[in-house]
Amino acid sequence: MKKTMKIDQTIAELRRQLEAAEADRKAAEKAEQRALEQAKKYASDNHSRTVLALYDELGIDAEHQRPRRVNDQVRYVATDRDETHRTRRLLTYVRALREAADPDLLEELTRADQDDRDERKPTPVPVATETAAEPVAEPAESAPAASADEAATDPVGAAEQPLRRSWHVPYDQAA
């Protein structure tokens, strides 16, 4: 009897572990899907430009087209419309290049990337609390205000602070 109870407890524990692992997997898939949807919504053009530039730089051609007969005419259609195979080959190239790269070079590139990101890091906005005795001072303006001529030609305020706008130019030419 005790042996059966112990087996039942072990089975129950394994089921709990399996359910927990399944819940973790589903949560990770949901988070990945959310990240993909957000990337599609906000950065799809830049991502597409980057991938196309990498295809060109690494010489990764599209899959061969397949001939298809339509109304007694031969037409060539893409066999990999969503580019699953082509992007898999691109990822293989990039991983191989990363493995073959000098670790010092990778460290230098990572450091330069972090410095570049830190350059654009926004300054935190002070938040007034109910317990604060003194009002919170606004941060001082670091750039002079735009003149009337600059404001008329640049309504978004790029004259005050240079912005990186890469969405209207090819990715490799973005500043």
N, C-alpha and C. Protein backbone atom coordinates (compact mmCIF):
# COMPACT_ATOMS: atom_id res chain seq x y z
N MET A 1 0.82 -1.20 0.00
CA MET A 1 0.00 0.00 0.00
C MET A 1 0.86 1.26 0.00
N LYS A 2 1.91 1.25 0.86
CA LYS A 2 2.79 2.41 0.94
C LYS A 2 3.54 2.62 -0.37
N LYS A 3 3.90 1.52 -1.00
CA LYS A 3 4.63 1.61 -2.26
C LYS A 3 3.75 2.27 -3.33
N THR A 4 2.48 1.94 -3.37
CA THR A 4 1.55 2.53 -4.33
C THR A 4 1.35 4.02 -4.04
N MET A 5 1.27 4.39 -2.77
CA MET A 5 1.13 5.80 -2.40
C MET A 5 2.36 6.59 -2.82
N LYS A 6 3.53 6.02 -2.63
CA LYS A 6 4.76 6.70 -3.00
C LYS A 6 4.83 6.89 -4.52
N ILE A 7 4.41 5.89 -5.26
CA ILE A 7 4.39 6.01 -6.72
C ILE A 7 3.39 7.07 -7.15
N ASP A 8 2.21 7.10 -6.51
CA ASP A 8 1.20 8.11 -6.82
C ASP A 8 1.73 9.52 -6.53
N GLN A 9 2.45 9.69 -5.43
CA GLN A 9 3.03 10.99 -5.09
C GLN A 9 4.08 11.39 -6.11
N THR A 10 4.89 10.44 -6.54
CA THR A 10 5.91 10.72 -7.54
C THR A 10 5.26 11.12 -8.87
N ILE A 11 4.21 10.41 -9.24
CA ILE A 11 3.49 10.75 -10.47
C ILE A 11 2.88 12.13 -10.37
N ALA A 12 2.27 12.45 -9.23
CA ALA A 12 1.67 13.78 -9.04
C ALA A 12 2.73 14.87 -9.10
N GLU A 13 3.88 14.62 -8.50
CA GLU A 13 4.98 15.61 -8.54
C GLU A 13 5.49 15.81 -9.96
N LEU A 14 5.65 14.72 -10.69
CA LEU A 14 6.10 14.83 -12.08
C LEU A 14 5.08 15.57 -12.93
N ARG A 15 3.79 15.34 -12.70
CA ARG A 15 2.76 16.08 -13.43
C ARG A 15 2.82 17.57 -13.14
N ARG A 16 3.03 17.92 -11.84
CA ARG A 16 3.16 19.33 -11.49
C ARG A 16 4.35 19.97 -12.19
N GLN A 17 5.46 19.25 -12.21
CA GLN A 17 6.66 19.77 -12.88
C GLN A 17 6.41 19.93 -14.38
N LEU A 18 5.74 18.96 -14.97
CA LEU A 18 5.43 19.04 -16.40
C LEU A 18 4.51 20.20 -16.69
N GLU A 19 3.49 20.40 -15.85
CA GLU A 19 2.57 21.53 -16.03
C GLU A 19 3.30 22.86 -15.88
N ALA A 20 4.21 22.94 -14.91
CA ALA A 20 4.98 24.17 -14.71
C ALA A 20 5.88 24.45 -15.91
N ALA A 21 6.53 23.40 -16.42
CA ALA A 21 7.39 23.57 -17.59
C ALA A 21 6.57 23.99 -18.80
N GLU A 22 5.40 23.40 -18.97
CA GLU A 22 4.52 23.75 -20.09
C GLU A 22 4.05 25.20 -19.96
N ALA A 23 3.72 25.63 -18.74
CA ALA A 23 3.29 27.02 -18.52
C ALA A 23 4.45 27.99 -18.83
N ASP A 24 5.67 27.63 -18.43
CA ASP A 24 6.83 28.47 -18.72
C ASP A 24 7.06 28.57 -20.23
N ARG A 25 6.94 27.44 -20.92
CA ARG A 25 7.12 27.42 -22.37
C ARG A 25 6.09 28.29 -23.07
N LYS A 26 4.83 28.18 -22.62
CA LYS A 26 3.77 29.00 -23.23
C LYS A 26 3.99 30.48 -22.95
N ALA A 27 4.44 30.81 -21.76
CA ALA A 27 4.72 32.21 -21.43
C ALA A 27 5.86 32.76 -22.28
N ALA A 28 6.90 31.95 -22.49
CA ALA A 28 8.02 32.38 -23.33
C ALA A 28 7.58 32.56 -24.78
N GLU A 29 6.74 31.65 -25.28
CA GLU A 29 6.23 31.79 -26.65
C GLU A 29 5.37 33.04 -26.78
N LYS A 30 4.55 33.32 -25.78
CA LYS A 30 3.69 34.50 -25.80
C LYS A 30 4.53 35.78 -25.78
N ALA A 31 5.58 35.80 -24.96
CA ALA A 31 6.46 36.97 -24.91
C ALA A 31 7.18 37.16 -26.23
N GLU A 32 7.63 36.06 -26.85
CA GLU A 32 8.30 36.16 -28.14
C GLU A 32 7.34 36.68 -29.21
N GLN A 33 6.11 36.19 -29.20
CA GLN A 33 5.11 36.64 -30.17
C GLN A 33 4.81 38.12 -29.98
N ARG A 34 4.72 38.56 -28.72
CA ARG A 34 4.48 39.98 -28.43
C ARG A 34 5.63 40.83 -28.94
N ALA A 35 6.86 40.37 -28.73
CA ALA A 35 8.04 41.09 -29.22
C ALA A 35 8.05 41.15 -30.74
N LEU A 36 7.67 40.04 -31.40
CA LEU A 36 7.61 40.04 -32.86
C LEU A 36 6.56 41.02 -33.38
N GLU A 37 5.40 41.03 -32.76
CA GLU A 37 4.34 41.95 -33.18
C GLU A 37 4.78 43.40 -33.01
N GLN A 38 5.45 43.69 -31.90
CA GLN A 38 5.93 45.05 -31.67
C GLN A 38 7.01 45.42 -32.68
N ALA A 39 7.90 44.50 -32.99
CA ALA A 39 8.94 44.76 -33.99
C ALA A 39 8.32 45.00 -35.36
N LYS A 40 7.31 44.21 -35.71
CA LYS A 40 6.64 44.41 -37.00
C LYS A 40 5.98 45.78 -37.06
N LYS A 41 5.38 46.17 -35.96
CA LYS A 41 4.64 47.43 -35.93
C LYS A 41 5.57 48.64 -36.03
N TYR A 42 6.68 48.61 -35.30
CA TYR A 42 7.51 49.80 -35.20
C TYR A 42 8.79 49.77 -36.02
N ALA A 43 9.35 48.61 -36.31
CA ALA A 43 10.67 48.58 -36.94
C ALA A 43 10.74 47.69 -38.17
N SER A 44 9.61 47.38 -38.75
CA SER A 44 9.64 46.41 -39.86
C SER A 44 10.47 46.89 -41.04
N ASP A 45 10.35 48.16 -41.41
CA ASP A 45 11.12 48.67 -42.54
C ASP A 45 12.62 48.61 -42.27
N ASN A 46 13.04 49.02 -41.08
CA ASN A 46 14.46 48.98 -40.75
C ASN A 46 14.98 47.55 -40.69
N HIS A 47 14.18 46.65 -40.14
CA HIS A 47 14.60 45.25 -40.10
C HIS A 47 14.73 44.69 -41.52
N SER A 48 13.77 45.02 -42.37
CA SER A 48 13.83 44.53 -43.76
C SER A 48 15.04 45.10 -44.48
N ARG A 49 15.32 46.39 -44.30
CA ARG A 49 16.49 46.99 -44.94
C ARG A 49 17.77 46.32 -44.46
N THR A 50 17.84 46.04 -43.17
CA THR A 50 19.04 45.41 -42.61
C THR A 50 19.25 44.03 -43.20
N VAL A 51 18.18 43.25 -43.25
CA VAL A 51 18.30 41.89 -43.80
C VAL A 51 18.67 41.94 -45.27
N LEU A 52 18.05 42.83 -46.03
CA LEU A 52 18.39 42.94 -47.45
C LEU A 52 19.84 43.36 -47.64
N ALA A 53 20.32 44.29 -46.81
CA ALA A 53 21.71 44.70 -46.89
C ALA A 53 22.65 43.54 -46.56
N LEU A 54 22.29 42.74 -45.56
CA LEU A 54 23.10 41.57 -45.22
C LEU A 54 23.09 40.54 -46.35
N TYR A 55 21.94 40.34 -46.97
CA TYR A 55 21.88 39.43 -48.12
C TYR A 55 22.87 39.87 -49.19
N ASP A 56 22.87 41.18 -49.49
CA ASP A 56 23.77 41.70 -50.52
C ASP A 56 25.23 41.59 -50.09
N GLU A 57 25.54 41.98 -48.85
CA GLU A 57 26.91 41.96 -48.37
C GLU A 57 27.49 40.54 -48.37
N LEU A 58 26.68 39.57 -47.98
CA LEU A 58 27.17 38.20 -47.85
C LEU A 58 26.92 37.36 -49.09
N GLY A 59 26.23 37.94 -50.09
CA GLY A 59 25.98 37.22 -51.34
C GLY A 59 25.00 36.07 -51.19
N ILE A 60 24.00 36.24 -50.38
CA ILE A 60 23.00 35.19 -50.17
C ILE A 60 21.85 35.45 -51.13
N ASP A 61 21.78 34.64 -52.18
CA ASP A 61 20.76 34.82 -53.21
C ASP A 61 19.45 34.16 -52.80
N ALA A 62 18.38 34.59 -53.45
CA ALA A 62 17.07 34.00 -53.21
C ALA A 62 17.05 32.56 -53.71
N GLU A 63 16.10 31.79 -53.23
CA GLU A 63 15.95 30.42 -53.68
C GLU A 63 15.62 30.41 -55.18
N HIS A 64 15.92 29.31 -55.85
CA HIS A 64 15.62 29.20 -57.27
C HIS A 64 14.11 29.18 -57.48
N GLN A 65 13.69 29.84 -58.56
CA GLN A 65 12.26 29.85 -58.87
C GLN A 65 11.87 28.55 -59.55
N ARG A 66 10.62 28.19 -59.38
CA ARG A 66 10.10 26.95 -59.94
C ARG A 66 9.23 27.29 -61.14
N PRO A 67 9.43 26.58 -62.27
CA PRO A 67 8.56 26.84 -63.43
C PRO A 67 7.17 26.28 -63.17
N ARG A 68 6.17 27.01 -63.64
CA ARG A 68 4.79 26.57 -63.47
C ARG A 68 4.03 26.91 -64.75
N ARG A 69 3.22 25.98 -65.22
CA ARG A 69 2.46 26.21 -66.44
C ARG A 69 1.08 26.75 -66.06
N VAL A 70 0.77 27.94 -66.60
CA VAL A 70 -0.52 28.59 -66.36
C VAL A 70 -1.07 29.02 -67.71
N ASN A 71 -2.21 28.48 -68.10
CA ASN A 71 -2.85 28.81 -69.37
C ASN A 71 -1.88 28.68 -70.54
N ASP A 72 -1.24 27.55 -70.59
CA ASP A 72 -0.27 27.23 -71.65
C ASP A 72 0.90 28.21 -71.72
N GLN A 73 1.18 28.86 -70.62
CA GLN A 73 2.37 29.73 -70.54
C GLN A 73 3.19 29.27 -69.34
N VAL A 74 4.49 29.34 -69.50
CA VAL A 74 5.37 28.97 -68.41
C VAL A 74 5.71 30.23 -67.61
N ARG A 75 5.43 30.17 -66.33
CA ARG A 75 5.75 31.27 -65.43
C ARG A 75 6.64 30.74 -64.32
N TYR A 76 7.48 31.60 -63.83
CA TYR A 76 8.37 31.21 -62.75
C TYR A 76 7.86 31.82 -61.45
N VAL A 77 7.71 30.98 -60.45
CA VAL A 77 7.19 31.44 -59.17
C VAL A 77 8.21 31.16 -58.07
N ALA A 78 8.17 31.99 -57.05
CA ALA A 78 9.09 31.84 -55.92
C ALA A 78 8.74 30.59 -55.13
N THR A 79 9.74 29.85 -54.75
CA THR A 79 9.51 28.65 -53.95
C THR A 79 9.63 28.94 -52.46
N ASP A 80 10.16 30.10 -52.12
CA ASP A 80 10.39 30.47 -50.72
C ASP A 80 9.90 31.90 -50.50
N ARG A 81 8.60 32.10 -50.66
CA ARG A 81 8.05 33.47 -50.60
C ARG A 81 8.32 34.16 -49.28
N ASP A 82 8.19 33.46 -48.16
CA ASP A 82 8.42 34.10 -46.87
C ASP A 82 9.89 34.12 -46.48
N GLU A 83 10.73 33.63 -47.37
CA GLU A 83 12.19 33.62 -47.22
C GLU A 83 12.68 32.87 -45.99
N THR A 84 11.98 31.83 -45.63
CA THR A 84 12.40 31.01 -44.49
C THR A 84 13.77 30.39 -44.73
N HIS A 85 13.97 29.81 -45.90
CA HIS A 85 15.25 29.16 -46.19
C HIS A 85 16.37 30.18 -46.33
N ARG A 86 16.08 31.29 -46.96
CA ARG A 86 17.10 32.32 -47.17
C ARG A 86 17.53 32.93 -45.84
N THR A 87 16.60 33.21 -44.97
CA THR A 87 16.97 33.78 -43.67
C THR A 87 17.69 32.76 -42.81
N ARG A 88 17.34 31.48 -42.96
CA ARG A 88 18.07 30.44 -42.22
C ARG A 88 19.52 30.41 -42.69
N ARG A 89 19.73 30.54 -44.00
CA ARG A 89 21.10 30.56 -44.53
C ARG A 89 21.84 31.81 -44.03
N LEU A 90 21.14 32.93 -43.97
CA LEU A 90 21.75 34.17 -43.46
C LEU A 90 22.19 33.98 -42.01
N LEU A 91 21.34 33.41 -41.20
CA LEU A 91 21.68 33.18 -39.80
C LEU A 91 22.87 32.24 -39.67
N THR A 92 22.95 31.23 -40.53
CA THR A 92 24.09 30.32 -40.53
C THR A 92 25.38 31.08 -40.84
N TYR A 93 25.32 31.96 -41.85
CA TYR A 93 26.49 32.78 -42.21
C TYR A 93 26.91 33.65 -41.03
N VAL A 94 25.95 34.35 -40.42
CA VAL A 94 26.28 35.28 -39.34
C VAL A 94 26.86 34.53 -38.14
N ARG A 95 26.27 33.39 -37.80
CA ARG A 95 26.82 32.60 -36.68
C ARG A 95 28.23 32.13 -36.98
N ALA A 96 28.48 31.69 -38.21
CA ALA A 96 29.82 31.23 -38.58
C ALA A 96 30.82 32.39 -38.52
N LEU A 97 30.41 33.56 -38.98
CA LEU A 97 31.29 34.73 -38.92
C LEU A 97 31.59 35.11 -37.47
N ARG A 98 30.58 35.04 -36.62
CA ARG A 98 30.78 35.37 -35.21
C ARG A 98 31.75 34.38 -34.55
N GLU A 99 31.59 33.10 -34.87
CA GLU A 99 32.49 32.09 -34.31
C GLU A 99 33.93 32.27 -34.79
N ALA A 100 34.09 32.69 -36.05
CA ALA A 100 35.43 32.84 -36.62
C ALA A 100 36.07 34.18 -36.27
N ALA A 101 35.29 35.11 -35.76
CA ALA A 101 35.80 36.46 -35.48
C ALA A 101 36.73 36.45 -34.27
N ASP A 102 37.63 37.40 -34.27
CA ASP A 102 38.56 37.59 -33.17
C ASP A 102 37.78 38.07 -31.94
N PRO A 103 37.96 37.44 -30.77
CA PRO A 103 37.23 37.86 -29.57
C PRO A 103 37.48 39.32 -29.19
N ASP A 104 38.71 39.80 -29.44
CA ASP A 104 39.01 41.20 -29.14
C ASP A 104 38.19 42.13 -30.03
N LEU A 105 38.02 41.76 -31.29
CA LEU A 105 37.21 42.56 -32.20
C LEU A 105 35.75 42.58 -31.75
N LEU A 106 35.24 41.42 -31.36
CA LEU A 106 33.85 41.36 -30.89
C LEU A 106 33.67 42.20 -29.64
N GLU A 107 34.64 42.16 -28.74
CA GLU A 107 34.57 42.97 -27.53
C GLU A 107 34.60 44.46 -27.86
N GLU A 108 35.45 44.84 -28.80
CA GLU A 108 35.54 46.23 -29.22
C GLU A 108 34.23 46.70 -29.87
N LEU A 109 33.65 45.86 -30.72
CA LEU A 109 32.37 46.20 -31.36
C LEU A 109 31.25 46.31 -30.33
N THR A 110 31.23 45.41 -29.37
CA THR A 110 30.22 45.46 -28.31
C THR A 110 30.37 46.73 -27.49
N ARG A 111 31.60 47.08 -27.16
CA ARG A 111 31.84 48.30 -26.38
C ARG A 111 31.43 49.54 -27.18
N ALA A 112 31.76 49.58 -28.47
CA ALA A 112 31.37 50.72 -29.31
C ALA A 112 29.85 50.81 -29.43
N ASP A 113 29.20 49.67 -29.55
CA ASP A 113 27.73 49.65 -29.62
C ASP A 113 27.13 50.19 -28.33
N GLN A 114 27.67 49.76 -27.18
CA GLN A 114 27.15 50.23 -25.89
C GLN A 114 27.38 51.72 -25.73
N ASP A 115 28.55 52.21 -26.14
CA ASP A 115 28.82 53.65 -26.07
C ASP A 115 27.84 54.43 -26.95
N ASP A 116 27.58 53.90 -28.14
CA ASP A 116 26.63 54.55 -29.06
C ASP A 116 25.23 54.58 -28.45
N ARG A 117 24.82 53.49 -27.82
CA ARG A 117 23.51 53.45 -27.17
C ARG A 117 23.46 54.42 -26.00
N ASP A 118 24.54 54.47 -25.21
CA ASP A 118 24.58 55.36 -24.05
C ASP A 118 24.51 56.83 -24.46
N GLU A 119 25.06 57.15 -25.65
CA GLU A 119 24.99 58.53 -26.17
C GLU A 119 23.55 59.00 -26.33
N ARG A 120 22.69 58.08 -26.73
CA ARG A 120 21.30 58.43 -26.99
C ARG A 120 20.37 58.16 -25.81
N LYS A 121 20.92 57.74 -24.70
CA LYS A 121 20.11 57.40 -23.54
C LYS A 121 19.38 58.65 -23.04
N PRO A 122 18.07 58.58 -22.91
CA PRO A 122 17.33 59.75 -22.45
C PRO A 122 17.60 60.02 -20.97
N THR A 123 17.56 61.28 -20.62
CA THR A 123 17.73 61.65 -19.22
C THR A 123 16.40 61.42 -18.50
N PRO A 124 16.45 60.91 -17.28
CA PRO A 124 15.20 60.66 -16.57
C PRO A 124 14.51 61.98 -16.22
N VAL A 125 13.20 61.96 -16.28
CA VAL A 125 12.41 63.13 -15.95
C VAL A 125 12.08 63.06 -14.47
N PRO A 126 12.39 64.13 -13.71
CA PRO A 126 12.09 64.09 -12.28
C PRO A 126 10.58 64.05 -12.05
N VAL A 127 10.18 63.26 -11.07
CA VAL A 127 8.78 63.10 -10.75
C VAL A 127 8.52 63.76 -9.41
N ALA A 128 7.53 64.65 -9.36
CA ALA A 128 7.18 65.32 -8.12
C ALA A 128 6.42 64.35 -7.23
N THR A 129 6.77 64.33 -5.97
CA THR A 129 6.07 63.48 -5.01
C THR A 129 5.22 64.34 -4.10
N GLU A 130 4.24 63.74 -3.46
CA GLU A 130 3.36 64.49 -2.58
C GLU A 130 4.07 64.94 -1.32
N THR A 131 5.14 64.23 -0.93
CA THR A 131 5.86 64.55 0.29
C THR A 131 6.95 65.59 0.08
N ALA A 132 7.21 65.95 -1.17
CA ALA A 132 8.28 66.91 -1.45
C ALA A 132 7.87 68.29 -0.97
N ALA A 133 8.75 68.92 -0.18
CA ALA A 133 8.46 70.25 0.35
C ALA A 133 8.71 71.32 -0.70
N GLU A 134 9.68 71.08 -1.57
CA GLU A 134 10.01 72.06 -2.60
C GLU A 134 9.60 71.54 -3.96
N PRO A 135 9.19 72.43 -4.87
CA PRO A 135 8.85 71.96 -6.22
C PRO A 135 10.12 71.47 -6.92
N VAL A 136 9.96 70.50 -7.77
CA VAL A 136 11.07 69.93 -8.52
C VAL A 136 11.40 70.87 -9.67
N ALA A 137 12.70 71.22 -9.78
CA ALA A 137 13.13 72.14 -10.84
C ALA A 137 13.20 71.40 -12.15
N GLU A 138 12.84 72.09 -13.22
CA GLU A 138 12.94 71.53 -14.56
C GLU A 138 14.40 71.49 -14.96
N PRO A 139 14.83 70.49 -15.74
CA PRO A 139 16.22 70.45 -16.19
C PRO A 139 16.54 71.63 -17.09
N ALA A 140 17.78 72.12 -16.98
CA ALA A 140 18.20 73.28 -17.78
C ALA A 140 18.30 72.88 -19.25
N GLU A 141 17.96 73.80 -20.12
CA GLU A 141 18.06 73.56 -21.57
C GLU A 141 19.53 73.58 -21.95
N SER A 142 19.97 72.56 -22.66
CA SER A 142 21.37 72.51 -23.05
C SER A 142 21.60 73.13 -24.42
N ALA A 143 20.57 73.16 -25.26
CA ALA A 143 20.70 73.71 -26.60
C ALA A 143 19.90 75.00 -26.68
N PRO A 144 20.39 75.97 -27.45
CA PRO A 144 19.63 77.21 -27.60
C PRO A 144 18.34 76.95 -28.38
N ALA A 145 17.37 77.78 -28.13
CA ALA A 145 16.08 77.64 -28.81
C ALA A 145 16.26 77.91 -30.30
N ALA A 146 15.46 77.25 -31.11
CA ALA A 146 15.54 77.42 -32.56
C ALA A 146 14.98 78.78 -32.95
N SER A 147 15.58 79.37 -33.99
CA SER A 147 15.09 80.66 -34.46
C SER A 147 13.76 80.44 -35.19
N ALA A 148 13.08 81.52 -35.53
CA ALA A 148 11.79 81.43 -36.20
C ALA A 148 11.95 80.77 -37.58
N ASP A 149 13.07 81.08 -38.29
CA ASP A 149 13.30 80.47 -39.60
C ASP A 149 13.51 78.96 -39.47
N GLU A 150 14.31 78.55 -38.48
CA GLU A 150 14.54 77.12 -38.28
C GLU A 150 13.26 76.41 -37.88
N ALA A 151 12.46 77.04 -37.05
CA ALA A 151 11.21 76.42 -36.61
C ALA A 151 10.24 76.26 -37.78
N ALA A 152 10.26 77.18 -38.71
CA ALA A 152 9.35 77.10 -39.86
C ALA A 152 9.76 75.97 -40.80
N THR A 153 11.06 75.77 -40.97
CA THR A 153 11.51 74.72 -41.89
C THR A 153 11.64 73.37 -41.20
N ASP A 154 11.68 73.35 -39.88
CA ASP A 154 11.86 72.11 -39.14
C ASP A 154 10.86 72.05 -37.99
N PRO A 155 9.62 71.65 -38.27
CA PRO A 155 8.60 71.68 -37.24
C PRO A 155 8.79 70.64 -36.14
N VAL A 156 9.59 69.60 -36.35
CA VAL A 156 9.74 68.59 -35.33
C VAL A 156 10.87 68.88 -34.36
N GLY A 157 11.62 69.93 -34.56
CA GLY A 157 12.64 70.33 -33.62
C GLY A 157 13.99 69.68 -33.80
N ALA A 158 14.29 69.24 -34.99
CA ALA A 158 15.60 68.63 -35.23
C ALA A 158 16.71 69.67 -35.15
N ALA A 159 16.37 70.95 -35.31
CA ALA A 159 17.37 72.00 -35.20
C ALA A 159 17.88 72.09 -33.77
N GLU A 160 17.04 71.77 -32.79
CA GLU A 160 17.45 71.82 -31.40
C GLU A 160 18.35 70.64 -31.05
N GLN A 161 18.01 69.46 -31.53
CA GLN A 161 18.77 68.27 -31.21
C GLN A 161 18.84 67.37 -32.44
N PRO A 162 20.03 67.04 -32.91
CA PRO A 162 20.12 66.19 -34.09
C PRO A 162 19.58 64.79 -33.78
N LEU A 163 18.72 64.29 -34.65
CA LEU A 163 18.15 62.98 -34.49
C LEU A 163 18.68 62.04 -35.56
N ARG A 164 18.71 60.77 -35.24
CA ARG A 164 19.09 59.76 -36.24
C ARG A 164 17.80 59.31 -36.89
N ARG A 165 17.64 59.64 -38.14
CA ARG A 165 16.45 59.25 -38.87
C ARG A 165 16.86 58.34 -40.01
N SER A 166 16.74 57.07 -39.81
CA SER A 166 17.21 56.13 -40.83
C SER A 166 16.09 55.50 -41.63
N TRP A 167 14.84 55.80 -41.32
CA TRP A 167 13.76 55.09 -41.99
C TRP A 167 13.54 55.52 -43.42
N HIS A 168 14.04 56.68 -43.84
CA HIS A 168 13.82 57.12 -45.21
C HIS A 168 15.04 56.96 -46.11
N VAL A 169 16.09 56.37 -45.58
CA VAL A 169 17.30 56.14 -46.37
C VAL A 169 17.69 54.66 -46.21
N PRO A 170 18.46 54.15 -47.15
CA PRO A 170 18.93 52.76 -46.98
C PRO A 170 19.68 52.62 -45.67
N TYR A 171 19.56 51.46 -45.07
CA TYR A 171 20.08 51.24 -43.73
C TYR A 171 21.56 51.54 -43.60
N ASP A 172 22.34 51.11 -44.58
CA ASP A 172 23.78 51.31 -44.46
C ASP A 172 24.20 52.75 -44.68
N GLN A 173 23.28 53.61 -45.14
CA GLN A 173 23.59 55.02 -45.31
C GLN A 173 23.03 55.88 -44.19
N ALA A 174 22.33 55.27 -43.24
CA ALA A 174 21.73 56.02 -42.15
C ALA A 174 22.84 56.56 -41.26
N ALA A 175 22.65 57.77 -40.79
CA ALA A 175 23.68 58.42 -39.95
C ALA A 175 23.69 57.86 -38.56
